[in-house]
Amino acid sequence: MVGVCPGNNESAGKRRHGKTRNGNKTLKSILVECAQAASKHKDSFFYSQYQRIAIKRGRQRAKMTVAHSMLIAIYYMIKEDKEFKDLGANYYNQFNTEKKANSYIKKLKELGYDVQINAQAS
């Protein structure tokens, strides 16, 4: 057991703060250190994941999230005997593009800008 999975504290349908589990301290520290190094490579999935989580939850939790993702990737690499395939920095941008665009338009309108949208064919 490594101890990088998030805690699961739920009561009456509400999710509360949960600590990570206790585990192998040496392996956990190595994974967090690797996560920190991986989160600095700008063209990687782990960088974009770190940036996305760090804004909302903070740097320490973002490191732990990346470490957990790395552990899952390592597990499946060993289990299925496959090489690591990086999903890329734009992986999260592929989802909900229309919803994101509407959110940005709404924010601009709140700031007093008049916005017109012209969709590009790609």
C-alpha atoms as a PDB file:
ATOM      1  CA  MET A   1       0.000   0.000   0.000  1.00  0.00           C
ATOM      2  CA  VAL A   2       1.422   3.364  -1.026  1.00  0.00           C
ATOM      3  CA  GLY A   3      -1.018   5.799   0.576  1.00  0.00           C
ATOM      4  CA  VAL A   4      -1.634   8.259  -2.237  1.00  0.00           C
ATOM      5  CA  CYS A   5      -5.314   7.517  -2.826  1.00  0.00           C
ATOM      6  CA  PRO A   6      -7.735  10.154  -1.559  1.00  0.00           C
ATOM      7  CA  GLY A   7      -9.718   9.552   1.580  1.00  0.00           C
ATOM      8  CA  ASN A   8     -13.364   8.612   1.305  1.00  0.00           C
ATOM      9  CA  ASN A   9     -15.370  10.428   3.951  1.00  0.00           C
ATOM     10  CA  GLU A  10     -19.019  10.649   2.932  1.00  0.00           C
ATOM     11  CA  SER A  11     -22.103  11.029   5.057  1.00  0.00           C
ATOM     12  CA  ALA A  12     -25.696  11.694   3.980  1.00  0.00           C
ATOM     13  CA  GLY A  13     -24.590  12.109   0.375  1.00  0.00           C
ATOM     14  CA  LYS A  14     -22.104  14.876   1.192  1.00  0.00           C
ATOM     15  CA  ARG A  15     -18.410  14.418   0.527  1.00  0.00           C
ATOM     16  CA  ARG A  16     -16.201  15.715   3.298  1.00  0.00           C
ATOM     17  CA  HIS A  17     -12.480  16.245   3.601  1.00  0.00           C
ATOM     18  CA  GLY A  18     -10.652  12.936   3.702  1.00  0.00           C
ATOM     19  CA  LYS A  19      -6.998  12.368   4.495  1.00  0.00           C
ATOM     20  CA  THR A  20      -4.815  10.125   2.396  1.00  0.00           C
ATOM     21  CA  ARG A  21      -4.170   6.707   3.836  1.00  0.00           C
ATOM     22  CA  ASN A  22      -1.043   5.667   5.659  1.00  0.00           C
ATOM     23  CA  GLY A  23       1.331   3.617   3.579  1.00  0.00           C
ATOM     24  CA  ASN A  24       4.926   3.106   2.568  1.00  0.00           C
ATOM     25  CA  LYS A  25       6.496   6.498   3.307  1.00  0.00           C
ATOM     26  CA  THR A  26       9.522   5.940   1.091  1.00  0.00           C
ATOM     27  CA  LEU A  27       7.494   4.944  -1.958  1.00  0.00           C
ATOM     28  CA  LYS A  28       5.027   7.752  -1.328  1.00  0.00           C
ATOM     29  CA  SER A  29       7.780  10.375  -1.143  1.00  0.00           C
ATOM     30  CA  ILE A  30       9.389   9.018  -4.325  1.00  0.00           C
ATOM     31  CA  LEU A  31       6.048   9.176  -6.158  1.00  0.00           C
ATOM     32  CA  VAL A  32       5.386  12.735  -4.979  1.00  0.00           C
ATOM     33  CA  GLU A  33       8.884  13.781  -6.044  1.00  0.00           C
ATOM     34  CA  CYS A  34       8.346  12.186  -9.467  1.00  0.00           C
ATOM     35  CA  ALA A  35       4.960  13.912  -9.698  1.00  0.00           C
ATOM     36  CA  GLN A  36       6.579  17.244  -8.952  1.00  0.00           C
ATOM     37  CA  ALA A  37       9.171  16.672 -11.670  1.00  0.00           C
ATOM     38  CA  ALA A  38       6.543  15.473 -14.161  1.00  0.00           C
ATOM     39  CA  SER A  39       4.364  18.496 -13.466  1.00  0.00           C
ATOM     40  CA  LYS A  40       7.123  20.798 -14.731  1.00  0.00           C
ATOM     41  CA  HIS A  41       7.269  19.279 -18.238  1.00  0.00           C
ATOM     42  CA  LYS A  42       4.939  21.590 -20.135  1.00  0.00           C
ATOM     43  CA  ASP A  43       3.889  19.252 -22.936  1.00  0.00           C
ATOM     44  CA  SER A  44       2.609  16.449 -20.724  1.00  0.00           C
ATOM     45  CA  PHE A  45      -0.708  15.258 -19.350  1.00  0.00           C
ATOM     46  CA  PHE A  46       0.598  15.484 -15.793  1.00  0.00           C
ATOM     47  CA  TYR A  47       1.503  19.173 -16.241  1.00  0.00           C
ATOM     48  CA  SER A  48      -2.006  20.061 -17.365  1.00  0.00           C
ATOM     49  CA  GLN A  49      -3.521  17.963 -14.585  1.00  0.00           C
ATOM     50  CA  TYR A  50      -1.308  19.658 -11.988  1.00  0.00           C
ATOM     51  CA  GLN A  51      -2.203  23.143 -13.272  1.00  0.00           C
ATOM     52  CA  ARG A  52      -5.923  22.365 -13.319  1.00  0.00           C
ATOM     53  CA  ILE A  53      -5.976  20.994  -9.766  1.00  0.00           C
ATOM     54  CA  ALA A  54      -3.514  23.517  -8.258  1.00  0.00           C
ATOM     55  CA  ILE A  55      -5.788  26.420  -9.144  1.00  0.00           C
ATOM     56  CA  LYS A  56      -8.758  24.935  -7.324  1.00  0.00           C
ATOM     57  CA  ARG A  57      -7.245  22.870  -4.521  1.00  0.00           C
ATOM     58  CA  GLY A  58      -3.656  24.046  -3.983  1.00  0.00           C
ATOM     59  CA  ARG A  59      -0.174  22.858  -4.893  1.00  0.00           C
ATOM     60  CA  GLN A  60       0.195  20.100  -2.311  1.00  0.00           C
ATOM     61  CA  ARG A  61      -3.064  18.407  -3.228  1.00  0.00           C
ATOM     62  CA  ALA A  62      -2.229  18.775  -6.897  1.00  0.00           C
ATOM     63  CA  LYS A  63       1.076  16.973  -6.318  1.00  0.00           C
ATOM     64  CA  MET A  64      -0.730  14.156  -4.547  1.00  0.00           C
ATOM     65  CA  THR A  65      -3.273  13.938  -7.379  1.00  0.00           C
ATOM     66  CA  VAL A  66      -0.529  13.642  -9.981  1.00  0.00           C
ATOM     67  CA  ALA A  67       1.264  11.042  -7.843  1.00  0.00           C
ATOM     68  CA  HIS A  68      -1.962   9.032  -7.654  1.00  0.00           C
ATOM     69  CA  SER A  69      -2.403   9.257 -11.439  1.00  0.00           C
ATOM     70  CA  MET A  70       1.189   8.173 -11.957  1.00  0.00           C
ATOM     71  CA  LEU A  71       0.677   5.180  -9.658  1.00  0.00           C
ATOM     72  CA  ILE A  72      -2.396   4.124 -11.641  1.00  0.00           C
ATOM     73  CA  ALA A  73      -0.453   4.473 -14.906  1.00  0.00           C
ATOM     74  CA  ILE A  74       2.441   2.420 -13.512  1.00  0.00           C
ATOM     75  CA  TYR A  75       0.053  -0.288 -12.321  1.00  0.00           C
ATOM     76  CA  TYR A  76      -1.544  -0.690 -15.752  1.00  0.00           C
ATOM     77  CA  MET A  77       1.816  -0.541 -17.511  1.00  0.00           C
ATOM     78  CA  ILE A  78       2.995  -3.489 -15.401  1.00  0.00           C
ATOM     79  CA  LYS A  79      -0.316  -5.374 -15.529  1.00  0.00           C
ATOM     80  CA  GLU A  80      -0.805  -5.135 -19.301  1.00  0.00           C
ATOM     81  CA  ASP A  81       2.905  -5.047 -20.214  1.00  0.00           C
ATOM     82  CA  LYS A  82       2.551  -1.855 -22.253  1.00  0.00           C
ATOM     83  CA  GLU A  83       4.640   1.269 -22.695  1.00  0.00           C
ATOM     84  CA  PHE A  84       3.514   4.596 -21.255  1.00  0.00           C
ATOM     85  CA  LYS A  85       1.563   6.732 -23.688  1.00  0.00           C
ATOM     86  CA  ASP A  86       1.271  10.379 -22.667  1.00  0.00           C
ATOM     87  CA  LEU A  87      -2.180  11.802 -23.376  1.00  0.00           C
ATOM     88  CA  GLY A  88      -0.758  15.279 -24.008  1.00  0.00           C
ATOM     89  CA  ALA A  89      -1.244  18.694 -22.493  1.00  0.00           C
ATOM     90  CA  ASN A  90      -4.443  19.359 -24.477  1.00  0.00           C
ATOM     91  CA  TYR A  91      -6.253  16.266 -23.203  1.00  0.00           C
ATOM     92  CA  TYR A  92      -8.582  18.204 -20.885  1.00  0.00           C
ATOM     93  CA  ASN A  93      -9.351  20.819 -23.548  1.00  0.00           C
ATOM     94  CA  GLN A  94     -11.063  18.222 -25.747  1.00  0.00           C
ATOM     95  CA  PHE A  95     -14.066  17.901 -23.450  1.00  0.00           C
ATOM     96  CA  ASN A  96     -17.057  20.243 -23.154  1.00  0.00           C
ATOM     97  CA  THR A  97     -15.732  22.798 -25.635  1.00  0.00           C
ATOM     98  CA  GLU A  98     -19.160  24.353 -26.174  1.00  0.00           C
ATOM     99  CA  LYS A  99     -19.783  24.585 -22.436  1.00  0.00           C
ATOM    100  CA  LYS A 100     -16.367  26.223 -21.902  1.00  0.00           C
ATOM    101  CA  ALA A 101     -17.001  28.707 -24.698  1.00  0.00           C
ATOM    102  CA  ASN A 102     -20.372  29.666 -23.216  1.00  0.00           C
ATOM    103  CA  SER A 103     -18.753  30.099 -19.805  1.00  0.00           C
ATOM    104  CA  TYR A 104     -16.097  32.447 -21.223  1.00  0.00           C
ATOM    105  CA  ILE A 105     -18.738  34.412 -23.143  1.00  0.00           C
ATOM    106  CA  LYS A 106     -20.779  34.812 -19.968  1.00  0.00           C
ATOM    107  CA  LYS A 107     -17.728  36.059 -18.060  1.00  0.00           C
ATOM    108  CA  LEU A 108     -16.909  38.567 -20.783  1.00  0.00           C
ATOM    109  CA  LYS A 109     -20.499  39.850 -20.807  1.00  0.00           C
ATOM    110  CA  GLU A 110     -20.323  40.293 -17.019  1.00  0.00           C
ATOM    111  CA  LEU A 111     -17.220  42.433 -17.557  1.00  0.00           C
ATOM    112  CA  GLY A 112     -19.145  44.608 -20.032  1.00  0.00           C
ATOM    113  CA  TYR A 113     -17.880  43.291 -23.372  1.00  0.00           C
ATOM    114  CA  ASP A 114     -20.126  42.618 -26.372  1.00  0.00           C
ATOM    115  CA  VAL A 115     -19.235  39.233 -27.847  1.00  0.00           C
ATOM    116  CA  GLN A 116     -20.032  37.699 -31.243  1.00  0.00           C
ATOM    117  CA  ILE A 117     -19.124  34.102 -31.994  1.00  0.00           C
ATOM    118  CA  ASN A 118     -17.925  32.770 -35.340  1.00  0.00           C
ATOM    119  CA  ALA A 119     -17.269  29.029 -35.271  1.00  0.00           C
ATOM    120  CA  GLN A 120     -14.240  27.775 -37.190  1.00  0.00           C
ATOM    121  CA  ALA A 121     -14.419  24.617 -39.246  1.00  0.00           C
ATOM    122  CA  SER A 122     -11.604  22.270 -38.275  1.00  0.00           C
END
